[in-house]
C-alpha atoms as a PDB file:
ATOM      1  CA  MET A   1      90.445 125.311 122.118  1.00  0.00           C
ATOM      2  CA  LYS A   2      91.631 121.714 121.749  1.00  0.00           C
ATOM      3  CA  LEU A   3      88.025 120.523 121.511  1.00  0.00           C
ATOM      4  CA  LEU A   4      87.524 122.791 118.506  1.00  0.00           C
ATOM      5  CA  LYS A   5      90.453 121.126 116.745  1.00  0.00           C
ATOM      6  CA  TYR A   6      89.090 117.589 117.007  1.00  0.00           C
ATOM      7  CA  PRO A   7      86.385 117.992 114.311  1.00  0.00           C
ATOM      8  CA  PHE A   8      89.007 119.485 111.977  1.00  0.00           C
ATOM      9  CA  TYR A   9      91.385 116.570 112.472  1.00  0.00           C
ATOM     10  CA  ILE A  10      88.614 114.012 111.964  1.00  0.00           C
ATOM     11  CA  PHE A  11      87.614 115.739 108.727  1.00  0.00           C
ATOM     12  CA  TRP A  12      91.294 116.139 107.768  1.00  0.00           C
ATOM     13  CA  ARG A  13      92.022 112.428 108.062  1.00  0.00           C
ATOM     14  CA  CYS A  14      88.797 111.305 106.364  1.00  0.00           C
ATOM     15  CA  TRP A  15      89.457 113.770 103.534  1.00  0.00           C
ATOM     16  CA  PHE A  16      92.888 112.210 103.021  1.00  0.00           C
ATOM     17  CA  TYR A  17      91.662 108.603 102.987  1.00  0.00           C
ATOM     18  CA  CYS A  18      88.857 109.482 100.577  1.00  0.00           C
ATOM     19  CA  TRP A  19      91.297 111.013  98.111  1.00  0.00           C
ATOM     20  CA  VAL A  20      93.657 108.044  98.432  1.00  0.00           C
ATOM     21  CA  LEU A  21      90.868 105.661  97.448  1.00  0.00           C
ATOM     22  CA  PHE A  22      88.169 107.370  95.382  1.00  0.00           C
ATOM     23  CA  PRO A  23      90.295 108.579  92.408  1.00  0.00           C
ATOM     24  CA  ILE A  24      91.332 104.958  91.867  1.00  0.00           C
ATOM     25  CA  ILE A  25      87.821 103.543  91.522  1.00  0.00           C
ATOM     26  CA  PRO A  26      86.803 105.181  88.192  1.00  0.00           C
ATOM     27  CA  ILE A  27      90.025 104.145  86.484  1.00  0.00           C
ATOM     28  CA  ILE A  28      90.224 100.544  87.721  1.00  0.00           C
ATOM     29  CA  PRO A  29      89.890  99.173  84.141  1.00  0.00           C
ATOM     30  CA  ILE A  30      92.812 101.340  83.015  1.00  0.00           C
ATOM     31  CA  LEU A  31      94.887 100.331  86.028  1.00  0.00           C
ATOM     32  CA  LEU A  32      94.237  96.658  85.331  1.00  0.00           C
ATOM     33  CA  ILE A  33      95.629  97.146  81.834  1.00  0.00           C
ATOM     34  CA  VAL A  34      98.709  99.203  82.735  1.00  0.00           C
ATOM     35  CA  THR A  35      99.654  96.863  85.588  1.00  0.00           C
ATOM     36  CA  SER A  36      99.282  93.742  83.463  1.00  0.00           C
ATOM     37  CA  SER A  37     102.684  94.099  81.822  1.00  0.00           C
ATOM     38  CA  GLU A  38     106.030  95.446  83.012  1.00  0.00           C
ATOM     39  CA  LYS A  39     106.398  97.193  79.637  1.00  0.00           C
ATOM     40  CA  LEU A  40     103.458  99.397  80.634  1.00  0.00           C
ATOM     41  CA  TYR A  41     104.945 100.331  84.014  1.00  0.00           C
ATOM     42  CA  PRO A  42     106.071 103.821  82.853  1.00  0.00           C
ATOM     43  CA  THR A  43     102.436 104.571  81.958  1.00  0.00           C
ATOM     44  CA  PHE A  44     101.288 103.341  85.360  1.00  0.00           C
ATOM     45  CA  PHE A  45     103.963 105.497  86.987  1.00  0.00           C
ATOM     46  CA  LYS A  46     102.623 108.633  85.296  1.00  0.00           C
ATOM     47  CA  ILE A  47      99.142 107.801  86.599  1.00  0.00           C
ATOM     48  CA  ALA A  48     100.603 107.245  90.086  1.00  0.00           C
ATOM     49  CA  GLN A  49     102.343 110.613  89.908  1.00  0.00           C
ATOM     50  CA  ALA A  50      99.096 112.348  88.946  1.00  0.00           C
ATOM     51  CA  TRP A  51      97.354 110.578  91.850  1.00  0.00           C
ATOM     52  CA  ALA A  52     100.075 111.661  94.295  1.00  0.00           C
ATOM     53  CA  ASN A  53     100.124 115.271  93.098  1.00  0.00           C
ATOM     54  CA  THR A  54      96.333 115.440  93.356  1.00  0.00           C
ATOM     55  CA  ILE A  55      96.394 114.223  96.955  1.00  0.00           C
ATOM     56  CA  LEU A  56      99.125 116.667  97.931  1.00  0.00           C
ATOM     57  CA  PHE A  57      97.210 119.520  96.287  1.00  0.00           C
ATOM     58  CA  VAL A  58      93.808 118.812  97.862  1.00  0.00           C
ATOM     59  CA  MET A  59      95.472 118.382 101.274  1.00  0.00           C
ATOM     60  CA  GLY A  60      96.972 121.843 100.951  1.00  0.00           C
ATOM     61  CA  PHE A  61     100.585 120.684 100.741  1.00  0.00           C
ATOM     62  CA  LYS A  62     103.114 122.561  98.630  1.00  0.00           C
ATOM     63  CA  VAL A  63     106.206 120.649  97.539  1.00  0.00           C
ATOM     64  CA  ASP A  64     109.423 122.641  97.854  1.00  0.00           C
ATOM     65  CA  TYR A  65     112.589 120.723  97.010  1.00  0.00           C
ATOM     66  CA  ILE A  66     116.180 121.307  95.986  1.00  0.00           C
ATOM     67  CA  GLU A  67     118.752 119.098  94.273  1.00  0.00           C
ATOM     68  CA  GLU A  68     122.372 119.256  95.336  1.00  0.00           C
ATOM     69  CA  GLU A  69     123.247 117.063  92.360  1.00  0.00           C
ATOM     70  CA  PRO A  70     121.158 116.482  89.216  1.00  0.00           C
ATOM     71  CA  LEU A  71     119.917 113.016  88.333  1.00  0.00           C
ATOM     72  CA  ASP A  72     121.100 111.486  85.067  1.00  0.00           C
ATOM     73  CA  ASN A  73     118.229 109.945  83.065  1.00  0.00           C
ATOM     74  CA  THR A  74     120.548 107.298  81.640  1.00  0.00           C
ATOM     75  CA  LYS A  75     121.642 105.890  85.024  1.00  0.00           C
ATOM     76  CA  SER A  76     120.026 103.862  87.808  1.00  0.00           C
ATOM     77  CA  TYR A  77     119.898 105.052  91.413  1.00  0.00           C
ATOM     78  CA  MET A  78     119.056 103.763  94.865  1.00  0.00           C
ATOM     79  CA  PHE A  79     116.834 106.360  96.540  1.00  0.00           C
ATOM     80  CA  CYS A  80     117.068 106.382 100.348  1.00  0.00           C
ATOM     81  CA  PRO A  81     114.640 108.843 102.010  1.00  0.00           C
ATOM     82  CA  ASN A  82     113.796 109.063 105.701  1.00  0.00           C
ATOM     83  CA  HIS A  83     110.371 107.677 106.642  1.00  0.00           C
ATOM     84  CA  THR A  84     107.974 109.461 108.997  1.00  0.00           C
ATOM     85  CA  SER A  85     104.537 109.618 107.399  1.00  0.00           C
ATOM     86  CA  MET A  86     101.973 108.116 105.039  1.00  0.00           C
ATOM     87  CA  ILE A  87     102.586 111.007 102.653  1.00  0.00           C
ATOM     88  CA  ASP A  88     106.255 110.084 102.151  1.00  0.00           C
ATOM     89  CA  VAL A  89     105.186 107.871  99.242  1.00  0.00           C
ATOM     90  CA  MET A  90     103.193 110.681  97.608  1.00  0.00           C
ATOM     91  CA  LEU A  91     106.075 113.099  98.050  1.00  0.00           C
ATOM     92  CA  MET A  92     108.566 110.687  96.481  1.00  0.00           C
ATOM     93  CA  LEU A  93     106.269 110.163  93.498  1.00  0.00           C
ATOM     94  CA  SER A  94     105.793 113.905  93.138  1.00  0.00           C
ATOM     95  CA  ILE A  95     109.487 114.806  92.967  1.00  0.00           C
ATOM     96  CA  ALA A  96     110.531 111.879  90.737  1.00  0.00           C
ATOM     97  CA  LYS A  97     111.627 112.604  87.178  1.00  0.00           C
ATOM     98  CA  ASN A  98     111.813 108.989  86.039  1.00  0.00           C
ATOM     99  CA  PRO A  99     109.915 105.822  86.953  1.00  0.00           C
ATOM    100  CA  PHE A 100     111.183 103.928  89.978  1.00  0.00           C
ATOM    101  CA  VAL A 101     109.944 101.004  92.042  1.00  0.00           C
ATOM    102  CA  PHE A 102     109.187 101.094  95.762  1.00  0.00           C
ATOM    103  CA  VAL A 103     110.170  98.348  98.164  1.00  0.00           C
ATOM    104  CA  GLY A 104     107.194  98.412 100.523  1.00  0.00           C
ATOM    105  CA  LYS A 105     105.799  96.617 103.528  1.00  0.00           C
ATOM    106  CA  LYS A 106     103.290  93.786 103.218  1.00  0.00           C
ATOM    107  CA  GLU A 107     100.758  95.426 105.553  1.00  0.00           C
ATOM    108  CA  LEU A 108      99.708  97.970 102.903  1.00  0.00           C
ATOM    109  CA  THR A 109      98.444  95.201 100.635  1.00  0.00           C
ATOM    110  CA  LYS A 110      95.486  94.828 103.025  1.00  0.00           C
ATOM    111  CA  ILE A 111      94.056  98.246 102.109  1.00  0.00           C
ATOM    112  CA  PRO A 112      91.002  97.684  99.864  1.00  0.00           C
ATOM    113  CA  ILE A 113      91.563  98.387  96.149  1.00  0.00           C
ATOM    114  CA  PHE A 114      94.732 100.415  96.770  1.00  0.00           C
ATOM    115  CA  GLY A 115      96.449  97.341  98.201  1.00  0.00           C
ATOM    116  CA  TYR A 116      95.682  95.283  95.120  1.00  0.00           C
ATOM    117  CA  PHE A 117      97.481  97.648  92.748  1.00  0.00           C
ATOM    118  CA  TYR A 118     100.195  98.327  95.312  1.00  0.00           C
ATOM    119  CA  LYS A 119     100.980  94.600  95.321  1.00  0.00           C
ATOM    120  CA  ARG A 120     101.087  94.498  91.503  1.00  0.00           C
ATOM    121  CA  THR A 121     103.523  97.393  91.147  1.00  0.00           C
ATOM    122  CA  CYS A 122     105.808  97.396  94.207  1.00  0.00           C
ATOM    123  CA  ILE A 123     108.331  94.958  95.603  1.00  0.00           C
ATOM    124  CA  ILE A 124     106.609  93.633  98.713  1.00  0.00           C
ATOM    125  CA  VAL A 125     108.550  92.609 101.811  1.00  0.00           C
ATOM    126  CA  ASP A 126     107.328  90.627 104.805  1.00  0.00           C
ATOM    127  CA  ARG A 127     109.967  91.502 107.384  1.00  0.00           C
ATOM    128  CA  SER A 128     108.946  88.623 109.637  1.00  0.00           C
ATOM    129  CA  ASN A 129     109.758  86.104 106.903  1.00  0.00           C
ATOM    130  CA  SER A 130     113.371  85.413 105.914  1.00  0.00           C
ATOM    131  CA  LYS A 131     112.295  83.827 102.609  1.00  0.00           C
ATOM    132  CA  SER A 132     110.362  86.989 101.767  1.00  0.00           C
ATOM    133  CA  ARG A 133     113.424  89.136 102.411  1.00  0.00           C
ATOM    134  CA  LYS A 134     115.471  86.988 100.028  1.00  0.00           C
ATOM    135  CA  ALA A 135     112.728  87.201  97.391  1.00  0.00           C
ATOM    136  CA  VAL A 136     112.802  90.995  97.723  1.00  0.00           C
ATOM    137  CA  PHE A 137     116.516  91.009  96.928  1.00  0.00           C
ATOM    138  CA  ASP A 138     115.973  88.809  93.897  1.00  0.00           C
ATOM    139  CA  GLU A 139     113.159  91.016  92.580  1.00  0.00           C
ATOM    140  CA  ALA A 140     115.086  94.229  93.253  1.00  0.00           C
ATOM    141  CA  ARG A 141     118.092  92.790  91.432  1.00  0.00           C
ATOM    142  CA  ARG A 142     115.863  92.043  88.461  1.00  0.00           C
ATOM    143  CA  LYS A 143     114.474  95.595  88.397  1.00  0.00           C
ATOM    144  CA  LEU A 144     117.945  97.104  88.652  1.00  0.00           C
ATOM    145  CA  SER A 145     119.175  94.807  85.892  1.00  0.00           C
ATOM    146  CA  ASP A 146     116.423  96.262  83.708  1.00  0.00           C
ATOM    147  CA  GLY A 147     117.736  99.765  84.403  1.00  0.00           C
ATOM    148  CA  MET A 148     114.985 100.755  86.825  1.00  0.00           C
ATOM    149  CA  ASP A 149     115.582 102.994  89.850  1.00  0.00           C
ATOM    150  CA  VAL A 150     114.617 101.576  93.249  1.00  0.00           C
ATOM    151  CA  CYS A 151     113.386 103.436  96.341  1.00  0.00           C
ATOM    152  CA  ILE A 152     113.916 101.857  99.758  1.00  0.00           C
ATOM    153  CA  PHE A 153     113.118 103.575 103.052  1.00  0.00           C
ATOM    154  CA  PRO A 154     116.253 102.336 104.873  1.00  0.00           C
ATOM    155  CA  GLU A 155     114.665 102.661 108.321  1.00  0.00           C
ATOM    156  CA  GLY A 156     112.349  99.857 107.278  1.00  0.00           C
ATOM    157  CA  LEU A 157     109.371 101.112 109.282  1.00  0.00           C
ATOM    158  CA  VAL A 158     108.195 104.426 110.687  1.00  0.00           C
ATOM    159  CA  PRO A 159     109.514 104.615 114.291  1.00  0.00           C
ATOM    160  CA  ASP A 160     106.790 104.004 116.905  1.00  0.00           C
ATOM    161  CA  ASP A 161     108.298 106.767 119.013  1.00  0.00           C
ATOM    162  CA  GLU A 162     107.696 109.970 117.064  1.00  0.00           C
ATOM    163  CA  SER A 163     110.387 111.743 119.078  1.00  0.00           C
ATOM    164  CA  VAL A 164     113.006 109.631 117.251  1.00  0.00           C
ATOM    165  CA  VAL A 165     114.725 111.795 114.648  1.00  0.00           C
ATOM    166  CA  LEU A 166     115.923 108.896 112.510  1.00  0.00           C
ATOM    167  CA  ALA A 167     115.730 105.161 113.222  1.00  0.00           C
ATOM    168  CA  ASP A 168     118.591 102.761 112.559  1.00  0.00           C
ATOM    169  CA  PHE A 169     119.041 101.799 108.919  1.00  0.00           C
ATOM    170  CA  LYS A 170     118.699  98.282 107.518  1.00  0.00           C
ATOM    171  CA  ASN A 171     121.348  96.847 105.201  1.00  0.00           C
ATOM    172  CA  GLY A 172     119.335  95.978 102.074  1.00  0.00           C
ATOM    173  CA  ALA A 173     119.565  99.226 100.106  1.00  0.00           C
ATOM    174  CA  PHE A 174     123.317  99.456 100.560  1.00  0.00           C
ATOM    175  CA  ARG A 175     124.035  95.845  99.632  1.00  0.00           C
ATOM    176  CA  LEU A 176     122.052  96.255  96.412  1.00  0.00           C
ATOM    177  CA  ALA A 177     123.708  99.573  95.577  1.00  0.00           C
ATOM    178  CA  VAL A 178     127.173  98.065  96.014  1.00  0.00           C
ATOM    179  CA  GLU A 179     126.257  94.925  94.090  1.00  0.00           C
ATOM    180  CA  PHE A 180     125.074  96.967  91.094  1.00  0.00           C
ATOM    181  CA  GLN A 181     127.629  99.754  91.584  1.00  0.00           C
ATOM    182  CA  ILE A 182     124.904 102.418  91.490  1.00  0.00           C
ATOM    183  CA  PRO A 183     124.837 105.664  93.494  1.00  0.00           C
ATOM    184  CA  ILE A 184     122.978 106.011  96.783  1.00  0.00           C
ATOM    185  CA  VAL A 185     120.783 109.123  96.763  1.00  0.00           C
ATOM    186  CA  PRO A 186     120.104 110.322 100.335  1.00  0.00           C
ATOM    187  CA  ILE A 187     116.848 112.277 100.537  1.00  0.00           C
ATOM    188  CA  THR A 188     115.739 114.360 103.501  1.00  0.00           C
ATOM    189  CA  MET A 189     112.024 114.990 103.999  1.00  0.00           C
ATOM    190  CA  TYR A 190     111.823 117.688 106.658  1.00  0.00           C
ATOM    191  CA  ASP A 191     108.124 118.296 107.179  1.00  0.00           C
ATOM    192  CA  CYS A 192     106.119 115.108 106.575  1.00  0.00           C
ATOM    193  CA  LYS A 193     106.001 114.192 110.271  1.00  0.00           C
ATOM    194  CA  LYS A 194     104.807 117.681 111.193  1.00  0.00           C
ATOM    195  CA  ARG A 195     102.291 117.921 108.346  1.00  0.00           C
ATOM    196  CA  PHE A 196     100.780 114.423 108.505  1.00  0.00           C
ATOM    197  CA  SER A 197     102.189 112.088 111.153  1.00  0.00           C
ATOM    198  CA  TYR A 198     100.704 108.798 112.296  1.00  0.00           C
ATOM    199  CA  THR A 199      99.249 110.604 115.339  1.00  0.00           C
ATOM    200  CA  PHE A 200      95.576 110.980 114.394  1.00  0.00           C
ATOM    201  CA  PHE A 201      94.898 114.370 115.969  1.00  0.00           C
ATOM    202  CA  SER A 202      97.731 116.225 114.302  1.00  0.00           C
ATOM    203  CA  GLY A 203      98.753 117.818 111.026  1.00  0.00           C
ATOM    204  CA  ALA A 204      98.101 120.898 108.928  1.00  0.00           C
ATOM    205  CA  PRO A 205      98.528 122.161 105.357  1.00  0.00           C
ATOM    206  CA  GLY A 206     101.822 123.764 104.435  1.00  0.00           C
ATOM    207  CA  LYS A 207     105.181 123.263 102.753  1.00  0.00           C
ATOM    208  CA  LEU A 208     106.814 119.889 102.295  1.00  0.00           C
ATOM    209  CA  ARG A 209     110.495 120.732 102.051  1.00  0.00           C
ATOM    210  CA  THR A 210     112.723 118.060 100.564  1.00  0.00           C
ATOM    211  CA  LYS A 211     116.415 117.882  99.715  1.00  0.00           C
ATOM    212  CA  ILE A 212     118.062 115.491  97.266  1.00  0.00           C
ATOM    213  CA  HIS A 213     121.606 115.337  98.601  1.00  0.00           C
ATOM    214  CA  LYS A 214     124.837 114.768  96.734  1.00  0.00           C
ATOM    215  CA  PHE A 215     125.121 111.153  95.723  1.00  0.00           C
ATOM    216  CA  LEU A 216     127.253 108.577  97.482  1.00  0.00           C
ATOM    217  CA  TYR A 217     129.037 106.651  94.753  1.00  0.00           C
ATOM    218  CA  THR A 218     129.732 102.945  95.002  1.00  0.00           C
ATOM    219  CA  GLU A 219     132.160 102.308  92.137  1.00  0.00           C
ATOM    220  CA  GLY A 220     134.943 100.084  93.384  1.00  0.00           C
ATOM    221  CA  LEU A 221     133.230  99.324  96.684  1.00  0.00           C
ATOM    222  CA  THR A 222     132.583  95.785  97.912  1.00  0.00           C
ATOM    223  CA  LEU A 223     130.143  94.325 100.408  1.00  0.00           C
ATOM    224  CA  LYS A 224     132.758  94.975 103.090  1.00  0.00           C
ATOM    225  CA  ASN A 225     132.068  98.686 102.606  1.00  0.00           C
ATOM    226  CA  CYS A 226     128.302  98.428 103.200  1.00  0.00           C
ATOM    227  CA  GLU A 227     128.453  99.410 106.875  1.00  0.00           C
ATOM    228  CA  THR A 228     130.478 102.509 106.074  1.00  0.00           C
ATOM    229  CA  LEU A 229     128.124 103.427 103.236  1.00  0.00           C
ATOM    230  CA  LYS A 230     125.117 102.933 105.504  1.00  0.00           C
ATOM    231  CA  LYS A 231     126.644 105.158 108.183  1.00  0.00           C
ATOM    232  CA  GLN A 232     127.487 107.860 105.646  1.00  0.00           C
ATOM    233  CA  THR A 233     123.892 107.885 104.366  1.00  0.00           C
ATOM    234  CA  PHE A 234     122.493 107.934 107.903  1.00  0.00           C
ATOM    235  CA  ASP A 235     124.777 110.807 108.919  1.00  0.00           C
ATOM    236  CA  VAL A 236     123.827 112.921 105.885  1.00  0.00           C
ATOM    237  CA  ILE A 237     120.105 112.721 106.650  1.00  0.00           C
ATOM    238  CA  TYR A 238     120.422 112.816 110.448  1.00  0.00           C
ATOM    239  CA  ASN A 239     122.690 115.875 110.469  1.00  0.00           C
ATOM    240  CA  GLU A 240     120.382 117.644 108.032  1.00  0.00           C
ATOM    241  CA  LEU A 241     117.343 116.999 110.244  1.00  0.00           C
ATOM    242  CA  ILE A 242     119.180 118.108 113.387  1.00  0.00           C
ATOM    243  CA  SER A 243     120.456 121.258 111.695  1.00  0.00           C
ATOM    244  CA  ASP A 244     116.969 122.087 110.443  1.00  0.00           C
ATOM    245  CA  SER A 245     115.418 121.594 113.900  1.00  0.00           C
ATOM    246  CA  LYS A 246     117.875 124.094 115.352  1.00  0.00           C
ATOM    247  CA  ASN A 247     117.082 126.682 112.704  1.00  0.00           C
ATOM    248  CA  THR A 248     113.272 126.474 112.944  1.00  0.00           C
END
């Protein structure tokens, strides 16, 4: 029975990578224009959303999400989702109501074509380079000063051990949120690991349940409160994942 699944998984993965890349090729001239100026970023973001929704649709994924607290279009937020899969990015783009900027790892810039536009539109971090980490803070501060939302996966990387429910959080998202006095928005993605993990021979179409939790407000907090804020965010997502695992 397992042998019969291997051809499906090979097709499944190739199908995904084709849809990540091929829709970009015909619109490269348009992408070059909309990524040439920060004023055009909202237009690029709409294109990115269409790209993400297309991939989720052709992969047979159905987004199912709830909001415990509505987002205010006039305010900036720090989005902090858990990170388990390549489709986390697509899911975040799909559920977003307003343009935001990802803080993403340098390794993705090596992907042909995709990596080029990824580098032009995201805040890139090289975690092995302390100067790069500082530059990320400076760029994120600039985006937040312009009123843009920022999305940081606080785990930093997808855990190598897929049995890990939630890896330890880094400090960056919480320092920035406190500095700009903007709310932290914890986001739980329940199904991305099950639907499309980094294990090649795994995955299947189905629901992608997501919860936007009540915000953690930072008004009046200082950098001394970052550890507490980080723990609160971790606990919200961790407890939600544990509770869900017991109920499924």
